Amino acid sequence: AGSGMCTGGRIMHHLKHKLWSKKNHVVIVGYQAIGTLGR
């Protein structure tokens, strides 16, 4: 899901619901600028 740097879009909702669990994984496949959630 977008956005690629986690600055908006549907990925934000999935991160909110799944970041807290150790069994989940986040795979970063692009450059993440300073100041972004992805960074």
All heavy atoms as atom14 arrays in JSON, in Angstrom:
{
  "sequence": "AGSGMCTGGRIMHHLKHKLWSKKNHVVIVGYQAIGTLGR",
  "atom14_mask": [
    [1, 1, 1, 1, 1, 0, 0, 0, 0, 0, 0, 0, 0, 0],
    [1, 1, 1, 1, 0, 0, 0, 0, 0, 0, 0, 0, 0, 0],
    [1, 1, 1, 1, 1, 1, 0, 0, 0, 0, 0, 0, 0, 0],
    [1, 1, 1, 1, 0, 0, 0, 0, 0, 0, 0, 0, 0, 0],
    [1, 1, 1, 1, 1, 1, 1, 1, 0, 0, 0, 0, 0, 0],
    [1, 1, 1, 1, 1, 1, 0, 0, 0, 0, 0, 0, 0, 0],
    [1, 1, 1, 1, 1, 1, 1, 0, 0, 0, 0, 0, 0, 0],
    [1, 1, 1, 1, 0, 0, 0, 0, 0, 0, 0, 0, 0, 0],
    [1, 1, 1, 1, 0, 0, 0, 0, 0, 0, 0, 0, 0, 0],
    [1, 1, 1, 1, 1, 1, 1, 1, 1, 1, 1, 0, 0, 0],
    [1, 1, 1, 1, 1, 1, 1, 1, 0, 0, 0, 0, 0, 0],
    [1, 1, 1, 1, 1, 1, 1, 1, 0, 0, 0, 0, 0, 0],
    [1, 1, 1, 1, 1, 1, 1, 1, 1, 1, 0, 0, 0, 0],
    [1, 1, 1, 1, 1, 1, 1, 1, 1, 1, 0, 0, 0, 0],
    [1, 1, 1, 1, 1, 1, 1, 1, 0, 0, 0, 0, 0, 0],
    [1, 1, 1, 1, 1, 1, 1, 1, 1, 0, 0, 0, 0, 0],
    [1, 1, 1, 1, 1, 1, 1, 1, 1, 1, 0, 0, 0, 0],
    [1, 1, 1, 1, 1, 1, 1, 1, 1, 0, 0, 0, 0, 0],
    [1, 1, 1, 1, 1, 1, 1, 1, 0, 0, 0, 0, 0, 0],
    [1, 1, 1, 1, 1, 1, 1, 1, 1, 1, 1, 1, 1, 1],
    [1, 1, 1, 1, 1, 1, 0, 0, 0, 0, 0, 0, 0, 0],
    [1, 1, 1, 1, 1, 1, 1, 1, 1, 0, 0, 0, 0, 0],
    [1, 1, 1, 1, 1, 1, 1, 1, 1, 0, 0, 0, 0, 0],
    [1, 1, 1, 1, 1, 1, 1, 1, 0, 0, 0, 0, 0, 0],
    [1, 1, 1, 1, 1, 1, 1, 1, 1, 1, 0, 0, 0, 0],
    [1, 1, 1, 1, 1, 1, 1, 0, 0, 0, 0, 0, 0, 0],
    [1, 1, 1, 1, 1, 1, 1, 0, 0, 0, 0, 0, 0, 0],
    [1, 1, 1, 1, 1, 1, 1, 1, 0, 0, 0, 0, 0, 0],
    [1, 1, 1, 1, 1, 1, 1, 0, 0, 0, 0, 0, 0, 0],
    [1, 1, 1, 1, 0, 0, 0, 0, 0, 0, 0, 0, 0, 0],
    [1, 1, 1, 1, 1, 1, 1, 1, 1, 1, 1, 1, 0, 0],
    [1, 1, 1, 1, 1, 1, 1, 1, 1, 0, 0, 0, 0, 0],
    [1, 1, 1, 1, 1, 0, 0, 0, 0, 0, 0, 0, 0, 0],
    [1, 1, 1, 1, 1, 1, 1, 1, 0, 0, 0, 0, 0, 0],
    [1, 1, 1, 1, 0, 0, 0, 0, 0, 0, 0, 0, 0, 0],
    [1, 1, 1, 1, 1, 1, 1, 0, 0, 0, 0, 0, 0, 0],
    [1, 1, 1, 1, 1, 1, 1, 1, 0, 0, 0, 0, 0, 0],
    [1, 1, 1, 1, 0, 0, 0, 0, 0, 0, 0, 0, 0, 0],
    [1, 1, 1, 1, 1, 1, 1, 1, 1, 1, 1, 0, 0, 0]
  ],
  "atom14_positions": [
    [[0.84, -1.2, 0.0], [0.0, 0.0, 0.0], [0.88, 1.25, 0.0], [2.03, 1.22, 0.42], [-0.93, 0.0, 1.21], [0.0, 0.0, 0.0], [0.0, 0.0, 0.0], [0.0, 0.0, 0.0], [0.0, 0.0, 0.0], [0.0, 0.0, 0.0], [0.0, 0.0, 0.0], [0.0, 0.0, 0.0], [0.0, 0.0, 0.0], [0.0, 0.0, 0.0]],
    [[0.32, 2.35, -0.49], [1.01, 3.63, -0.46], [0.64, 4.41, 0.79], [-0.32, 4.05, 1.49], [0.0, 0.0, 0.0], [0.0, 0.0, 0.0], [0.0, 0.0, 0.0], [0.0, 0.0, 0.0], [0.0, 0.0, 0.0], [0.0, 0.0, 0.0], [0.0, 0.0, 0.0], [0.0, 0.0, 0.0], [0.0, 0.0, 0.0], [0.0, 0.0, 0.0]],
    [[1.45, 5.41, 1.13], [2.51, 5.94, 0.28], [3.85, 5.26, 0.57], [4.03, 4.65, 1.61], [2.66, 7.44, 0.49], [3.17, 7.74, 1.77], [0.0, 0.0, 0.0], [0.0, 0.0, 0.0], [0.0, 0.0, 0.0], [0.0, 0.0, 0.0], [0.0, 0.0, 0.0], [0.0, 0.0, 0.0], [0.0, 0.0, 0.0], [0.0, 0.0, 0.0]],
    [[4.77, 5.44, -0.4], [6.04, 4.76, -0.32], [6.89, 5.16, 0.87], [7.74, 4.38, 1.32], [0.0, 0.0, 0.0], [0.0, 0.0, 0.0], [0.0, 0.0, 0.0], [0.0, 0.0, 0.0], [0.0, 0.0, 0.0], [0.0, 0.0, 0.0], [0.0, 0.0, 0.0], [0.0, 0.0, 0.0], [0.0, 0.0, 0.0], [0.0, 0.0, 0.0]],
    [[6.71, 6.39, 1.39], [7.47, 6.84, 2.55], [6.61, 6.93, 3.8], [7.0, 7.54, 4.8], [8.13, 8.2, 2.27], [9.19, 8.16, 1.19], [10.1, 9.71, 1.06], [11.03, 9.43, -0.45], [0.0, 0.0, 0.0], [0.0, 0.0, 0.0], [0.0, 0.0, 0.0], [0.0, 0.0, 0.0], [0.0, 0.0, 0.0], [0.0, 0.0, 0.0]],
    [[5.42, 6.34, 3.73], [4.49, 6.28, 4.88], [4.09, 7.68, 5.35], [3.98, 7.93, 6.56], [5.12, 5.51, 6.04], [5.79, 3.9, 5.6], [0.0, 0.0, 0.0], [0.0, 0.0, 0.0], [0.0, 0.0, 0.0], [0.0, 0.0, 0.0], [0.0, 0.0, 0.0], [0.0, 0.0, 0.0], [0.0, 0.0, 0.0], [0.0, 0.0, 0.0]],
    [[3.85, 8.57, 4.42], [3.45, 9.94, 4.77], [1.96, 10.17, 4.55], [1.48, 11.29, 4.72], [4.25, 10.96, 3.94], [4.11, 10.63, 2.54], [5.72, 10.94, 4.31], [0.0, 0.0, 0.0], [0.0, 0.0, 0.0], [0.0, 0.0, 0.0], [0.0, 0.0, 0.0], [0.0, 0.0, 0.0], [0.0, 0.0, 0.0], [0.0, 0.0, 0.0]],
    [[1.24, 9.16, 4.19], [-0.2, 9.27, 3.95], [-0.68, 7.97, 3.33], [0.07, 7.0, 3.22], [0.0, 0.0, 0.0], [0.0, 0.0, 0.0], [0.0, 0.0, 0.0], [0.0, 0.0, 0.0], [0.0, 0.0, 0.0], [0.0, 0.0, 0.0], [0.0, 0.0, 0.0], [0.0, 0.0, 0.0], [0.0, 0.0, 0.0], [0.0, 0.0, 0.0]],
    [[-1.94, 7.96, 2.92], [-2.46, 6.8, 2.23], [-2.84, 5.66, 3.17], [-2.79, 5.77, 4.39], [0.0, 0.0, 0.0], [0.0, 0.0, 0.0], [0.0, 0.0, 0.0], [0.0, 0.0, 0.0], [0.0, 0.0, 0.0], [0.0, 0.0, 0.0], [0.0, 0.0, 0.0], [0.0, 0.0, 0.0], [0.0, 0.0, 0.0], [0.0, 0.0, 0.0]],
    [[-3.17, 4.53, 2.57], [-3.71, 3.39, 3.33], [-2.67, 2.69, 4.18], [-3.01, 2.03, 5.15], [-4.38, 2.41, 2.36], [-5.63, 2.99, 1.71], [-6.32, 1.97, 0.81], [-7.56, 2.51, 0.26], [-8.37, 1.83, -0.54], [-8.07, 0.58, -0.89], [-9.48, 2.39, -1.0], [0.0, 0.0, 0.0], [0.0, 0.0, 0.0], [0.0, 0.0, 0.0]],
    [[-1.39, 2.8, 3.82], [-0.37, 2.12, 4.62], [-0.39, 2.63, 6.05], [-0.07, 1.89, 6.99], [1.04, 2.31, 3.99], [2.03, 1.31, 4.61], [1.53, 3.73, 4.14], [1.76, -0.13, 4.33], [0.0, 0.0, 0.0], [0.0, 0.0, 0.0], [0.0, 0.0, 0.0], [0.0, 0.0, 0.0], [0.0, 0.0, 0.0], [0.0, 0.0, 0.0]],
    [[-0.78, 3.89, 6.24], [-0.8, 4.48, 7.59], [-1.76, 3.7, 8.49], [-1.46, 3.44, 9.66], [-1.22, 5.94, 7.52], [-0.34, 6.81, 6.64], [1.16, 7.29, 7.48], [0.52, 8.48, 8.65], [0.0, 0.0, 0.0], [0.0, 0.0, 0.0], [0.0, 0.0, 0.0], [0.0, 0.0, 0.0], [0.0, 0.0, 0.0], [0.0, 0.0, 0.0]],
    [[-2.92, 3.34, 7.96], [-3.91, 2.61, 8.76], [-3.39, 1.21, 9.1], [-3.57, 0.74, 10.23], [-5.24, 2.5, 8.0], [-5.88, 3.83, 7.75], [-6.72, 4.42, 8.67], [-5.8, 4.69, 6.7], [-7.13, 5.59, 8.2], [-6.59, 5.77, 7.0], [0.0, 0.0, 0.0], [0.0, 0.0, 0.0], [0.0, 0.0, 0.0], [0.0, 0.0, 0.0]],
    [[-2.74, 0.56, 8.14], [-2.22, -0.78, 8.41], [-1.1, -0.72, 9.45], [-1.02, -1.59, 10.32], [-1.74, -1.41, 7.11], [-2.83, -1.58, 6.11], [-4.02, -2.21, 6.39], [-2.92, -1.19, 4.81], [-4.8, -2.21, 5.32], [-4.15, -1.59, 4.35], [0.0, 0.0, 0.0], [0.0, 0.0, 0.0], [0.0, 0.0, 0.0], [0.0, 0.0, 0.0]],
    [[-0.24, 0.28, 9.36], [0.83, 0.42, 10.35], [0.25, 0.66, 11.74], [0.72, 0.09, 12.73], [1.76, 1.56, 9.95], [2.64, 1.32, 8.72], [3.32, 2.61, 8.28], [3.67, 0.22, 8.98], [0.0, 0.0, 0.0], [0.0, 0.0, 0.0], [0.0, 0.0, 0.0], [0.0, 0.0, 0.0], [0.0, 0.0, 0.0], [0.0, 0.0, 0.0]],
    [[-0.79, 1.49, 11.8], [-1.41, 1.77, 13.1], [-1.95, 0.49, 13.73], [-1.85, 0.29, 14.95], [-2.52, 2.8, 12.94], [-3.21, 3.15, 14.25], [-4.25, 4.25, 14.08], [-4.94, 4.56, 15.4], [-5.94, 5.63, 15.27], [0.0, 0.0, 0.0], [0.0, 0.0, 0.0], [0.0, 0.0, 0.0], [0.0, 0.0, 0.0], [0.0, 0.0, 0.0]],
    [[-2.51, -0.41, 12.92], [-3.13, -1.61, 13.46], [-2.15, -2.77, 13.66], [-2.46, -3.71, 14.39], [-4.26, -2.09, 12.52], [-5.51, -1.28, 12.65], [-5.72, -0.12, 11.94], [-6.61, -1.46, 13.43], [-6.91, 0.39, 12.27], [-7.47, -0.41, 13.16], [0.0, 0.0, 0.0], [0.0, 0.0, 0.0], [0.0, 0.0, 0.0], [0.0, 0.0, 0.0]],
    [[-0.96, -2.69, 13.02], [-0.11, -3.88, 13.03], [1.31, -3.64, 13.53], [2.03, -4.61, 13.81], [-0.06, -4.5, 11.62], [-1.45, -4.9, 11.12], [-1.4, -5.71, 9.87], [-2.79, -5.98, 9.31], [-3.67, -6.72, 10.25], [0.0, 0.0, 0.0], [0.0, 0.0, 0.0], [0.0, 0.0, 0.0], [0.0, 0.0, 0.0], [0.0, 0.0, 0.0]],
    [[1.74, -2.39, 13.69], [3.1, -2.13, 14.13], [3.38, -2.65, 15.54], [4.52, -2.98, 15.87], [3.4, -0.62, 14.11], [4.06, -0.01, 12.88], [4.32, 1.46, 13.12], [5.36, -0.73, 12.53], [0.0, 0.0, 0.0], [0.0, 0.0, 0.0], [0.0, 0.0, 0.0], [0.0, 0.0, 0.0], [0.0, 0.0, 0.0], [0.0, 0.0, 0.0]],
    [[2.37, -2.69, 16.38], [2.55, -3.01, 17.79], [2.8, -4.49, 18.04], [3.21, -4.89, 19.13], [1.32, -2.57, 18.59], [0.05, -3.2, 18.08], [-0.78, -2.68, 17.13], [-0.48, -4.48, 18.44], [-1.81, -3.55, 16.89], [-1.65, -4.67, 17.68], [-0.08, -5.47, 19.34], [-2.42, -5.81, 17.78], [-0.86, -6.62, 19.44], [-2.02, -6.77, 18.67]],
    [[2.6, -5.33, 17.03], [2.71, -6.77, 17.22], [4.04, -7.31, 16.71], [4.42, -7.07, 15.56], [1.57, -7.5, 16.51], [1.75, -8.9, 16.59], [0.0, 0.0, 0.0], [0.0, 0.0, 0.0], [0.0, 0.0, 0.0], [0.0, 0.0, 0.0], [0.0, 0.0, 0.0], [0.0, 0.0, 0.0], [0.0, 0.0, 0.0], [0.0, 0.0, 0.0]],
    [[4.72, -8.07, 17.53], [6.03, -8.63, 17.18], [5.95, -9.64, 16.03], [6.96, -9.92, 15.38], [6.65, -9.32, 18.4], [7.05, -8.39, 19.52], [7.64, -9.16, 20.69], [8.04, -8.21, 21.82], [8.58, -8.96, 23.0], [0.0, 0.0, 0.0], [0.0, 0.0, 0.0], [0.0, 0.0, 0.0], [0.0, 0.0, 0.0], [0.0, 0.0, 0.0]],
    [[4.78, -10.19, 15.79], [4.69, -11.22, 14.75], [4.56, -10.63, 13.35], [4.65, -11.37, 12.37], [3.51, -12.16, 15.04], [2.14, -11.54, 14.82], [1.06, -12.59, 15.04], [-0.32, -12.04, 14.71], [-1.38, -13.07, 14.84], [0.0, 0.0, 0.0], [0.0, 0.0, 0.0], [0.0, 0.0, 0.0], [0.0, 0.0, 0.0], [0.0, 0.0, 0.0]],
    [[4.38, -9.32, 13.26], [4.25, -8.68, 11.96], [5.6, -8.15, 11.46], [6.54, -7.97, 12.23], [3.22, -7.54, 12.01], [1.82, -8.07, 12.25], [1.45, -9.13, 11.74], [1.03, -7.36, 13.04], [0.0, 0.0, 0.0], [0.0, 0.0, 0.0], [0.0, 0.0, 0.0], [0.0, 0.0, 0.0], [0.0, 0.0, 0.0], [0.0, 0.0, 0.0]],
    [[5.66, -7.9, 10.16], [6.89, -7.45, 9.52], [6.59, -6.26, 8.62], [5.54, -6.2, 7.97], [7.49, -8.57, 8.66], [7.8, -9.82, 9.43], [9.06, -10.17, 9.82], [6.99, -10.81, 9.89], [9.03, -11.31, 10.48], [7.77, -11.72, 10.54], [0.0, 0.0, 0.0], [0.0, 0.0, 0.0], [0.0, 0.0, 0.0], [0.0, 0.0, 0.0]],
    [[7.52, -5.32, 8.57], [7.45, -4.19, 7.65], [8.7, -4.26, 6.77], [9.82, -4.27, 7.29], [7.38, -2.83, 8.36], [7.31, -1.7, 7.35], [6.19, -2.79, 9.31], [0.0, 0.0, 0.0], [0.0, 0.0, 0.0], [0.0, 0.0, 0.0], [0.0, 0.0, 0.0], [0.0, 0.0, 0.0], [0.0, 0.0, 0.0], [0.0, 0.0, 0.0]],
    [[8.51, -4.32, 5.46], [9.63, -4.41, 4.53], [9.73, -3.09, 3.77], [8.81, -2.72, 3.01], [9.45, -5.59, 3.56], [10.66, -5.7, 2.62], [9.27, -6.9, 4.33], [0.0, 0.0, 0.0], [0.0, 0.0, 0.0], [0.0, 0.0, 0.0], [0.0, 0.0, 0.0], [0.0, 0.0, 0.0], [0.0, 0.0, 0.0], [0.0, 0.0, 0.0]],
    [[10.82, -2.37, 4.0], [11.04, -1.07, 3.37], [11.82, -1.29, 2.08], [12.95, -1.8, 2.1], [11.81, -0.12, 4.31], [11.07, 0.05, 5.64], [12.06, 1.22, 3.63], [9.77, 0.8, 5.57], [0.0, 0.0, 0.0], [0.0, 0.0, 0.0], [0.0, 0.0, 0.0], [0.0, 0.0, 0.0], [0.0, 0.0, 0.0], [0.0, 0.0, 0.0]],
    [[11.24, -0.9, 0.93], [11.86, -1.21, -0.37], [12.15, 0.06, -1.17], [12.23, 0.02, -2.38], [10.97, -2.16, -1.19], [10.89, -3.52, -0.56], [9.57, -1.57, -1.39], [0.0, 0.0, 0.0], [0.0, 0.0, 0.0], [0.0, 0.0, 0.0], [0.0, 0.0, 0.0], [0.0, 0.0, 0.0], [0.0, 0.0, 0.0], [0.0, 0.0, 0.0]],
    [[12.33, 1.18, -0.47], [12.64, 2.42, -1.18], [13.26, 3.43, -0.24], [13.22, 3.27, 0.99], [0.0, 0.0, 0.0], [0.0, 0.0, 0.0], [0.0, 0.0, 0.0], [0.0, 0.0, 0.0], [0.0, 0.0, 0.0], [0.0, 0.0, 0.0], [0.0, 0.0, 0.0], [0.0, 0.0, 0.0], [0.0, 0.0, 0.0], [0.0, 0.0, 0.0]],
    [[13.84, 4.44, -0.82], [14.49, 5.5, -0.04], [13.45, 6.19, 0.85], [12.33, 6.46, 0.42], [15.12, 6.51, -0.99], [15.69, 7.72, -0.28], [16.87, 7.63, 0.44], [15.02, 8.94, -0.31], [17.39, 8.73, 1.1], [15.53, 10.05, 0.34], [16.72, 9.93, 1.06], [17.21, 11.02, 1.71], [0.0, 0.0, 0.0], [0.0, 0.0, 0.0]],
    [[13.84, 6.48, 2.09], [12.96, 7.15, 3.05], [13.6, 8.48, 3.46], [14.67, 8.49, 4.09], [12.75, 6.27, 4.28], [12.22, 4.88, 3.97], [10.83, 4.9, 3.38], [9.93, 5.57, 3.88], [10.65, 4.16, 2.29], [0.0, 0.0, 0.0], [0.0, 0.0, 0.0], [0.0, 0.0, 0.0], [0.0, 0.0, 0.0], [0.0, 0.0, 0.0]],
    [[12.97, 9.57, 3.09], [13.53, 10.89, 3.37], [13.44, 11.22, 4.85], [12.55, 10.74, 5.56], [12.79, 11.96, 2.55], [0.0, 0.0, 0.0], [0.0, 0.0, 0.0], [0.0, 0.0, 0.0], [0.0, 0.0, 0.0], [0.0, 0.0, 0.0], [0.0, 0.0, 0.0], [0.0, 0.0, 0.0], [0.0, 0.0, 0.0], [0.0, 0.0, 0.0]],
    [[14.38, 12.06, 5.31], [14.35, 12.54, 6.69], [13.03, 13.27, 6.94], [12.54, 14.02, 6.09], [15.54, 13.5, 6.95], [16.84, 12.69, 7.01], [15.35, 14.27, 8.25], [18.07, 13.54, 7.17], [0.0, 0.0, 0.0], [0.0, 0.0, 0.0], [0.0, 0.0, 0.0], [0.0, 0.0, 0.0], [0.0, 0.0, 0.0], [0.0, 0.0, 0.0]],
    [[12.43, 13.02, 8.09], [11.18, 13.66, 8.45], [9.95, 12.85, 8.12], [8.83, 13.25, 8.46], [0.0, 0.0, 0.0], [0.0, 0.0, 0.0], [0.0, 0.0, 0.0], [0.0, 0.0, 0.0], [0.0, 0.0, 0.0], [0.0, 0.0, 0.0], [0.0, 0.0, 0.0], [0.0, 0.0, 0.0], [0.0, 0.0, 0.0], [0.0, 0.0, 0.0]],
    [[10.13, 11.7, 7.47], [8.98, 10.86, 7.14], [8.84, 9.74, 8.17], [9.8, 9.36, 8.85], [9.14, 10.22, 5.74], [10.28, 9.34, 5.75], [9.32, 11.29, 4.68], [0.0, 0.0, 0.0], [0.0, 0.0, 0.0], [0.0, 0.0, 0.0], [0.0, 0.0, 0.0], [0.0, 0.0, 0.0], [0.0, 0.0, 0.0], [0.0, 0.0, 0.0]],
    [[7.63, 9.19, 8.26], [7.39, 8.06, 9.13], [8.24, 6.87, 8.71], [8.78, 6.14, 9.55], [5.91, 7.69, 9.12], [5.49, 6.43, 9.88], [5.9, 6.51, 11.35], [3.99, 6.19, 9.74], [0.0, 0.0, 0.0], [0.0, 0.0, 0.0], [0.0, 0.0, 0.0], [0.0, 0.0, 0.0], [0.0, 0.0, 0.0], [0.0, 0.0, 0.0]],
    [[8.38, 6.69, 7.39], [9.21, 5.6, 6.91], [10.64, 5.69, 7.41], [11.25, 4.68, 7.77], [0.0, 0.0, 0.0], [0.0, 0.0, 0.0], [0.0, 0.0, 0.0], [0.0, 0.0, 0.0], [0.0, 0.0, 0.0], [0.0, 0.0, 0.0], [0.0, 0.0, 0.0], [0.0, 0.0, 0.0], [0.0, 0.0, 0.0], [0.0, 0.0, 0.0]],
    [[11.19, 6.91, 7.46], [12.55, 7.09, 7.95], [12.65, 6.76, 9.44], [13.64, 6.18, 9.9], [13.01, 8.53, 7.68], [14.46, 8.81, 8.09], [15.46, 7.88, 7.37], [16.82, 8.31, 7.62], [17.52, 9.09, 6.8], [16.98, 9.52, 5.66], [18.75, 9.44, 7.1], [0.0, 0.0, 0.0], [0.0, 0.0, 0.0], [0.0, 0.0, 0.0]]
  ]
}
